[in-house]
Protein backbone atom coordinates (compact mmCIF):
# COMPACT_ATOMS: atom_id res chain seq x y z
CA MET A 1 -20.15 1.52 -31.47
CA PHE A 2 -18.17 -1.42 -29.69
CA THR A 3 -15.15 -2.72 -31.04
CA PHE A 4 -12.65 -5.14 -29.22
CA PHE A 5 -10.03 -2.40 -29.65
CA GLU A 6 -11.54 0.09 -27.71
CA LYS A 7 -9.79 1.37 -24.77
CA VAL A 8 -11.23 0.89 -21.35
CA ASP A 9 -11.46 3.78 -19.06
CA ALA A 10 -8.29 3.62 -16.63
CA LYS A 11 -8.54 4.17 -12.87
CA TYR A 12 -5.21 2.54 -12.34
CA GLU A 13 -5.75 1.40 -9.14
CA LYS A 14 -2.54 0.34 -9.68
CA LEU A 15 0.38 1.19 -11.64
CA PHE A 16 2.48 -0.47 -13.41
CA PHE A 17 5.66 -0.15 -11.02
CA ASP A 18 3.24 -1.42 -8.42
CA HIS A 19 3.85 -4.78 -9.67
CA SER A 20 6.49 -7.51 -9.58
CA ILE A 21 7.67 -10.16 -12.00
CA LYS A 22 10.36 -13.42 -11.76
CA ASN A 23 13.52 -12.52 -14.42
CA ILE A 24 14.86 -15.49 -16.06
CA ASN A 25 16.67 -16.75 -13.65
CA ASN A 26 13.97 -17.01 -11.08
CA GLU A 27 14.79 -13.90 -8.96
CA THR A 28 12.11 -11.40 -8.29
CA ILE A 29 11.86 -8.19 -10.45
CA ASP A 30 10.93 -5.57 -8.38
CA LEU A 31 9.32 -3.43 -10.91
CA ASN A 32 9.53 0.03 -8.82
CA GLN A 33 12.90 -0.11 -9.62
CA TYR A 34 11.71 1.29 -12.75
CA LYS A 35 9.69 4.22 -11.67
CA GLY A 36 10.12 7.21 -13.75
CA LYS A 37 11.32 4.99 -16.83
CA THR A 38 9.74 4.69 -20.07
CA ILE A 39 9.34 0.74 -20.54
CA LEU A 40 8.57 -1.49 -24.08
CA LEU A 41 7.02 -4.99 -22.39
CA VAL A 42 7.18 -7.79 -25.00
CA ASN A 43 6.32 -10.88 -25.39
CA VAL A 44 9.17 -13.34 -26.88
CA ALA A 45 9.94 -16.34 -27.98
CA SER A 46 12.89 -18.42 -29.72
CA LYS A 47 11.13 -20.69 -32.25
CA CYS A 48 8.56 -17.75 -34.05
CA GLY A 49 8.46 -15.92 -37.30
CA PHE A 50 9.19 -13.01 -35.26
CA THR A 51 11.93 -13.71 -33.25
CA LYS A 52 14.49 -11.69 -35.59
CA GLN A 53 12.89 -8.61 -33.74
CA TYR A 54 15.37 -9.44 -30.53
CA THR A 55 17.97 -7.61 -33.01
CA GLY A 56 15.33 -4.60 -33.07
CA LEU A 57 14.51 -5.02 -29.54
CA GLN A 58 18.10 -4.77 -28.53
CA GLU A 59 18.44 -2.02 -31.03
CA LEU A 60 16.16 -0.01 -29.44
CA TYR A 61 16.94 -0.54 -25.95
CA GLU A 62 20.69 0.65 -26.90
CA LYS A 63 19.21 3.58 -28.44
CA TYR A 64 17.72 4.76 -25.39
CA LYS A 65 18.80 3.30 -22.88
CA ASP A 66 20.80 6.27 -21.83
CA ARG A 67 17.56 8.40 -21.41
CA GLY A 68 15.53 6.02 -19.13
CA PHE A 69 13.95 3.55 -21.47
CA TYR A 70 14.33 -0.22 -20.80
CA VAL A 71 13.09 -3.00 -22.62
CA ILE A 72 11.75 -6.37 -20.61
CA GLY A 73 10.91 -9.34 -22.64
CA VAL A 74 8.55 -11.78 -21.58
CA PRO A 75 9.12 -15.40 -22.90
CA SER A 76 5.57 -17.22 -23.16
CA ASN A 77 4.96 -20.54 -24.79
CA GLN A 78 0.96 -19.50 -25.71
CA PHE A 79 1.34 -19.36 -29.40
CA GLY A 80 2.37 -22.43 -31.53
CA GLY A 81 4.50 -23.47 -28.29
CA GLN A 82 7.15 -21.49 -30.13
CA GLU A 83 8.92 -21.08 -26.50
CA PRO A 84 9.08 -24.80 -25.07
CA GLY A 85 12.61 -23.96 -23.72
CA THR A 86 13.37 -23.98 -20.20
CA ASN A 87 14.44 -20.62 -18.49
CA SER A 88 18.04 -21.62 -18.69
CA GLU A 89 17.71 -22.51 -22.48
CA ILE A 90 15.70 -19.52 -22.99
CA LYS A 91 18.53 -17.46 -21.53
CA ASP A 92 21.23 -18.83 -23.64
CA PHE A 93 19.40 -18.59 -26.93
CA CYS A 94 19.26 -14.93 -26.00
CA GLU A 95 22.65 -14.07 -25.24
CA THR A 96 24.29 -16.30 -27.55
CA ASN A 97 22.32 -15.37 -31.00
CA PHE A 98 21.29 -12.01 -30.51
CA ASN A 99 23.55 -10.49 -27.38
CA ILE A 100 20.70 -9.26 -25.51
CA THR A 101 21.23 -7.00 -22.63
CA PHE A 102 17.87 -6.03 -21.56
CA PRO A 103 16.11 -7.75 -19.18
CA ILE A 104 14.42 -11.67 -20.17
CA THR A 105 11.87 -12.68 -17.44
CA ASP A 106 10.88 -16.05 -16.21
CA LYS A 107 8.64 -17.98 -18.70
CA THR A 108 4.79 -17.10 -17.99
CA ASP A 109 1.56 -16.98 -19.88
CA VAL A 110 0.71 -13.61 -20.72
CA LYS A 111 -3.30 -13.93 -21.78
CA GLY A 112 -6.18 -15.69 -20.17
CA ASN A 113 -6.85 -16.96 -17.08
CA ASN A 114 -3.31 -17.76 -15.84
CA ALA A 115 -2.04 -14.64 -17.23
CA HIS A 116 0.47 -13.02 -15.09
CA ASP A 117 -0.93 -10.18 -13.30
CA LEU A 118 1.02 -7.83 -15.05
CA TYR A 119 -0.65 -8.62 -18.36
CA LYS A 120 -4.10 -8.69 -16.19
CA TRP A 121 -3.58 -5.43 -15.05
CA ALA A 122 -2.69 -3.97 -18.39
CA LYS A 123 -5.64 -5.14 -20.19
CA LYS A 124 -7.91 -4.01 -17.00
CA ASN A 125 -6.71 -0.61 -17.53
CA TYR A 126 -6.13 -0.39 -21.33
CA GLY A 127 -8.70 -3.17 -22.98
CA ASN A 128 -8.11 -5.76 -25.41
CA SER A 129 -5.25 -4.11 -27.55
CA THR A 130 -2.80 -5.38 -24.57
CA VAL A 131 -3.68 -8.78 -24.69
CA PRO A 132 -1.12 -10.45 -27.15
CA LYS A 133 -2.35 -12.20 -30.29
CA TRP A 134 0.94 -13.62 -31.15
CA ASN A 135 4.58 -13.18 -30.12
CA PHE A 136 6.42 -9.87 -29.93
CA HIS A 137 3.43 -8.14 -29.12
CA LYS A 138 4.41 -4.86 -27.25
CA ILE A 139 3.26 -2.65 -24.70
CA LEU A 140 4.31 0.86 -24.16
CA ILE A 141 4.35 1.81 -20.35
CA ASN A 142 5.00 5.62 -19.78
CA LYS A 143 7.23 7.31 -17.17
CA GLU A 144 4.15 7.30 -14.83
CA GLY A 145 3.67 4.06 -15.04
CA LYS A 146 0.70 4.22 -17.49
CA ILE A 147 0.21 2.38 -20.46
CA GLN A 148 1.17 4.69 -23.33
CA ASP A 149 0.36 2.55 -26.86
CA THR A 150 0.38 -0.91 -28.05
CA PHE A 151 1.44 -2.34 -31.42
CA ASN A 152 1.05 -6.04 -32.70
CA SER A 153 3.72 -8.33 -33.44
CA PHE A 154 3.89 -6.83 -37.11
CA ILE A 155 5.26 -3.74 -36.24
CA THR A 156 8.96 -4.01 -35.92
CA PRO A 157 10.81 -2.60 -33.20
CA MET A 158 12.83 0.17 -34.95
CA SER A 159 9.41 1.51 -36.66
CA ASP A 160 8.69 4.61 -36.84
CA LYS A 161 5.23 4.49 -35.13
CA ILE A 162 6.91 2.94 -31.80
CA THR A 163 10.37 5.29 -31.71
CA LYS A 164 8.12 8.40 -32.34
CA GLN A 165 6.13 7.45 -29.08
CA ILE A 166 9.60 6.95 -27.21
CA ASP A 167 10.93 9.96 -28.16
CA LEU A 168 7.38 11.91 -27.43
CA ILE A 169 7.37 10.52 -23.98
CA LEU A 170 11.23 10.34 -23.01
């Protein structure tokens, strides 16, 4: 039986660490610098009902960062136009309202034909569960640079579902 949530038989010609993405200051982040680390990749937005999850993402980052865990926020305006600001406005919003210290990328597409290569890679290697349906969709990357699990927008950052997976792979 086929479902849209079926995992793809991943061949992983490339790993998470083989990619790069621009940060909020338009500087290239070579993701190889995170090799051997655990990453929670989250598409974020400033004007969303889930925006308060920034608090939980920062808390999660603080809890695990000393064990090699990072949150990477990826602003996207693809869901209800809820991230209309410039990179500078997004950065200011995150720092002022949520004291965010984890890395935030350049505003980018996370689904469709114009999705960032990182999101195309995720879909190719893990399937449709990696494609965000809304803001604050989460993709957990293990130390090997492969996708461990995905979590929809309704699963909060500090939920047992997420923290148990992080504890398991750290």
